[in-house]
Amino acid sequence: MFPRILPMTRALLIANCAIYLLQWVLSPAITGPFELWPINLTGLQSPYPNFMPWQLLTAGFMHDPTSLWHLAFNMLALWMFGSPLEAVWGERRFLTYFLVCIVGGNLCQLVVSTWMLSEYHVTGSTIGASGGVYGLLLGFGMLFPNQRMIIFPFPMEIRARTLVIIYGVLAVFYAVTGTQAGVAHLAHLGGMIFGYLLIRYWRGQPPFGKRRPPPPRMRIVK
């Protein structure tokens, strides 16, 4: 059975698709300042836009207009994992979680791209909702760890918790090795990290709350 699309998930799907269409209509000179650009610490003149704080959020709603698969994959994941989380958390908390994962993922990517610009004078923009999507995957795995599903490219049922571990390990591997150039793996990993921390904050778990001591054990004497 396919999950029912709840209101906030539907609104996010519509927003991403509408902005994707706008990217087709508008020129790069207009859309460029809303992509995520590195901080220029070199002092060199650059033909590219400079980093602005709003890019941490706006870049998460933009996708490569030359690749429909980029949008399709992220929207499929948003549809699959978004509604179940929205049903548990409600619209406001779900939206907060998604936006925090986007901003957190882009913050991690910003650090790396700024370092690349400073050390090697390599620059480029980052776009995509993958940080939020990976955060949703992490949240789904934490709330429904034993939920079984079939996800490409795995040809068998797999538990949500196992799926999260696999994608998390792959994100770390690709980020460390630098393989799959052109993919913001640090944004993926950052989305998962910030999502994990936010859930623990909501639960009052360390490092945001004190761990409660276990209840005293009862001793029964016969």
Protein backbone atom coordinates (compact mmCIF):
# COMPACT_ATOMS: atom_id res chain seq x y z
CA MET A 1 0.00 0.00 0.00
CA PHE A 2 1.34 3.42 -0.93
CA PRO A 3 1.57 5.99 1.89
CA ARG A 4 -1.00 8.77 1.84
CA ILE A 5 0.55 12.15 1.15
CA LEU A 6 -0.04 14.43 4.13
CA PRO A 7 -0.42 18.22 3.78
CA MET A 8 3.10 19.42 4.67
CA THR A 9 4.75 16.68 2.64
CA ARG A 10 2.53 17.64 -0.29
CA ALA A 11 3.45 21.31 0.13
CA LEU A 12 7.17 20.48 0.07
CA LEU A 13 6.73 18.34 -3.04
CA ILE A 14 4.88 21.16 -4.81
CA ALA A 15 7.46 23.76 -3.73
CA ASN A 16 10.40 21.73 -5.03
CA CYS A 17 8.71 20.98 -8.35
CA ALA A 18 7.59 24.60 -8.81
CA ILE A 19 11.10 25.92 -8.15
CA TYR A 20 12.50 23.33 -10.56
CA LEU A 21 10.22 24.71 -13.29
CA LEU A 22 11.27 28.26 -12.42
CA GLN A 23 14.90 27.26 -12.91
CA TRP A 24 14.00 26.34 -16.48
CA VAL A 25 12.39 29.72 -17.12
CA LEU A 26 14.73 32.06 -15.27
CA SER A 27 18.31 32.78 -16.24
CA PRO A 28 21.26 31.54 -14.15
CA ALA A 29 22.01 35.18 -13.32
CA ILE A 30 18.75 35.26 -11.34
CA THR A 31 18.84 31.78 -9.80
CA GLY A 32 22.60 31.69 -9.13
CA PRO A 33 22.56 33.82 -5.96
CA PHE A 34 20.15 31.33 -4.38
CA GLU A 35 22.49 28.36 -4.85
CA LEU A 36 25.02 27.53 -2.14
CA TRP A 37 28.40 29.12 -2.89
CA PRO A 38 31.60 28.89 -0.84
CA ILE A 39 32.85 31.76 1.30
CA ASN A 40 35.53 33.60 -0.62
CA LEU A 41 38.40 33.98 1.86
CA THR A 42 41.07 34.39 -0.81
CA GLY A 43 40.41 38.05 -1.54
CA LEU A 44 40.53 37.28 -5.26
CA GLN A 45 37.95 38.69 -7.61
CA SER A 46 35.52 35.98 -8.67
CA PRO A 47 32.90 35.96 -11.42
CA TYR A 48 30.75 33.71 -9.26
CA PRO A 49 28.20 34.87 -6.67
CA ASN A 50 29.35 35.20 -3.08
CA PHE A 51 27.99 33.21 -0.17
CA MET A 52 24.89 34.63 1.48
CA PRO A 53 23.24 33.15 4.60
CA TRP A 54 19.92 32.49 2.89
CA GLN A 55 21.64 30.08 0.51
CA LEU A 56 21.83 27.50 3.31
CA LEU A 57 18.06 27.16 2.94
CA THR A 58 17.22 28.15 -0.63
CA ALA A 59 19.77 25.79 -2.19
CA GLY A 60 17.88 22.90 -0.58
CA PHE A 61 14.85 23.60 -2.77
CA MET A 62 16.77 23.78 -6.06
CA HIS A 63 17.80 20.93 -8.37
CA ASP A 64 19.89 20.50 -11.47
CA PRO A 65 17.59 21.62 -14.32
CA THR A 66 19.49 19.39 -16.76
CA SER A 67 18.82 16.25 -14.69
CA LEU A 68 15.23 15.24 -14.05
CA TRP A 69 16.52 12.21 -12.12
CA HIS A 70 18.02 14.50 -9.48
CA LEU A 71 14.58 15.91 -8.71
CA ALA A 72 12.75 12.60 -9.16
CA PHE A 73 14.92 10.65 -6.69
CA ASN A 74 14.68 13.29 -3.98
CA MET A 75 10.92 13.72 -4.39
CA LEU A 76 10.38 9.96 -4.33
CA ALA A 77 12.26 9.75 -1.03
CA LEU A 78 10.37 12.77 0.34
CA TRP A 79 7.09 11.07 -0.53
CA MET A 80 8.10 7.70 0.95
CA PHE A 81 9.57 8.92 4.25
CA GLY A 82 7.92 12.31 4.69
CA SER A 83 4.29 11.36 5.32
CA PRO A 84 5.00 8.66 7.95
CA LEU A 85 7.13 11.12 9.92
CA GLU A 86 4.57 13.90 9.52
CA ALA A 87 1.87 11.54 10.81
CA VAL A 88 3.89 11.01 14.01
CA TRP A 89 5.29 14.50 14.55
CA GLY A 90 2.64 16.74 13.07
CA GLU A 91 3.09 19.40 10.40
CA ARG A 92 5.09 21.97 12.38
CA ARG A 93 7.62 19.58 13.90
CA PHE A 94 8.03 17.71 10.62
CA LEU A 95 8.73 20.94 8.71
CA THR A 96 11.19 22.04 11.40
CA TYR A 97 13.02 18.73 11.14
CA PHE A 98 13.23 18.85 7.34
CA LEU A 99 14.53 22.42 7.27
CA VAL A 100 17.09 21.76 10.02
CA CYS A 101 18.43 18.80 8.03
CA ILE A 102 18.70 20.92 4.88
CA VAL A 103 20.51 23.76 6.65
CA GLY A 104 22.72 21.36 8.61
CA GLY A 105 23.69 19.43 5.51
CA ASN A 106 24.48 22.63 3.64
CA LEU A 107 26.57 23.90 6.55
CA CYS A 108 28.77 20.81 6.31
CA GLN A 109 29.06 21.24 2.56
CA LEU A 110 29.85 24.94 2.99
CA VAL A 111 32.85 24.13 5.19
CA VAL A 112 34.28 21.76 2.60
CA SER A 113 33.61 23.98 -0.42
CA THR A 114 35.14 27.00 1.36
CA TRP A 115 38.25 24.97 2.14
CA MET A 116 38.48 23.81 -1.49
CA LEU A 117 38.25 27.39 -2.69
CA SER A 118 40.88 28.63 -0.23
CA GLU A 119 43.38 25.82 -0.80
CA TYR A 120 42.92 24.92 -4.47
CA HIS A 121 40.88 27.83 -5.90
CA VAL A 122 38.20 25.32 -6.88
CA THR A 123 34.70 26.74 -6.73
CA GLY A 124 31.20 25.65 -7.61
CA SER A 125 27.69 25.80 -6.27
CA THR A 126 25.68 23.17 -4.42
CA ILE A 127 21.97 22.54 -4.92
CA GLY A 128 19.52 19.82 -3.98
CA ALA A 129 17.27 18.59 -1.20
CA SER A 130 19.46 15.57 -0.46
CA GLY A 131 20.48 16.82 2.99
CA GLY A 132 16.82 16.96 4.00
CA VAL A 133 16.07 13.63 2.30
CA TYR A 134 18.90 11.84 4.09
CA GLY A 135 17.65 13.37 7.32
CA LEU A 136 14.19 11.94 6.62
CA LEU A 137 15.73 8.54 5.99
CA LEU A 138 17.55 8.75 9.33
CA GLY A 139 14.37 9.84 11.11
CA PHE A 140 12.35 7.02 9.56
CA GLY A 141 14.97 4.51 10.63
CA MET A 142 14.93 5.81 14.21
CA LEU A 143 11.13 5.88 14.53
CA PHE A 144 10.39 2.71 12.56
CA PRO A 145 13.61 0.66 12.87
CA ASN A 146 11.99 -2.70 12.14
CA GLN A 147 9.85 -1.56 9.20
CA ARG A 148 10.63 -3.77 6.21
CA MET A 149 10.84 -2.26 2.74
CA ILE A 150 12.29 -2.83 -0.70
CA ILE A 151 14.56 0.00 -1.81
CA PHE A 152 16.63 0.17 -5.01
CA PRO A 153 19.22 -1.27 -5.55
CA PHE A 154 18.50 -3.97 -2.94
CA PRO A 155 16.44 -6.82 -4.51
CA MET A 156 15.03 -7.99 -1.16
CA GLU A 157 13.22 -6.72 1.89
CA ILE A 158 15.45 -4.81 4.26
CA ARG A 159 14.82 -3.27 7.66
CA ALA A 160 14.74 0.52 7.88
CA ARG A 161 17.48 0.52 10.52
CA THR A 162 19.76 -1.54 8.26
CA LEU A 163 19.03 0.75 5.33
CA VAL A 164 20.04 3.82 7.36
CA ILE A 165 23.31 2.18 8.38
CA ILE A 166 24.13 1.24 4.77
CA TYR A 167 23.45 4.71 3.39
CA GLY A 168 25.29 6.33 6.28
CA VAL A 169 28.38 4.18 5.73
CA LEU A 170 28.28 4.89 1.99
CA ALA A 171 28.04 8.64 2.63
CA VAL A 172 31.09 8.50 4.91
CA PHE A 173 33.01 6.35 2.42
CA TYR A 174 32.32 8.61 -0.54
CA ALA A 175 33.05 11.76 1.47
CA VAL A 176 36.40 10.43 2.72
CA THR A 177 37.58 8.90 -0.55
CA GLY A 178 36.34 11.70 -2.79
CA THR A 179 34.74 9.27 -5.23
CA GLN A 180 31.60 10.17 -7.16
CA ALA A 181 32.81 13.68 -7.91
CA GLY A 182 30.07 16.24 -8.30
CA VAL A 183 27.90 14.76 -5.52
CA ALA A 184 27.69 16.60 -2.20
CA HIS A 185 28.21 13.63 0.10
CA LEU A 186 29.02 15.92 3.04
CA ALA A 187 25.55 17.42 2.68
CA HIS A 188 24.06 13.91 2.83
CA LEU A 189 26.05 13.05 5.92
CA GLY A 190 25.37 16.42 7.51
CA GLY A 191 21.63 16.02 7.03
CA MET A 192 21.75 12.70 8.87
CA ILE A 193 23.91 14.08 11.69
CA PHE A 194 21.73 17.13 12.31
CA GLY A 195 18.58 15.00 12.09
CA TYR A 196 19.99 12.58 14.65
CA LEU A 197 20.92 15.40 17.03
CA LEU A 198 17.52 17.06 16.70
CA ILE A 199 15.66 13.86 17.49
CA ARG A 200 17.83 13.31 20.55
CA TYR A 201 17.16 16.91 21.59
CA TRP A 202 13.41 16.37 21.32
CA ARG A 203 13.73 13.17 23.36
CA GLY A 204 15.85 14.86 26.03
CA GLN A 205 18.68 12.41 25.43
CA PRO A 206 22.44 13.10 25.78
CA PRO A 207 24.11 15.41 24.98
CA PHE A 208 20.99 17.55 25.48
CA GLY A 209 19.60 15.95 28.61
CA LYS A 210 20.66 13.84 31.52
CA ARG A 211 20.38 10.11 31.19
CA ARG A 212 17.90 8.83 33.72
CA PRO A 213 19.24 6.17 36.07
CA PRO A 214 17.65 2.75 35.65
CA PRO A 215 14.87 1.92 38.12
CA PRO A 216 15.96 -0.08 41.15
CA ARG A 217 15.79 -3.80 40.74
CA MET A 218 13.30 -5.69 42.86
CA ARG A 219 14.65 -8.57 44.87
CA ILE A 220 12.24 -11.35 45.62
CA VAL A 221 13.08 -13.56 48.59
CA LYS A 222 11.49 -16.96 48.74
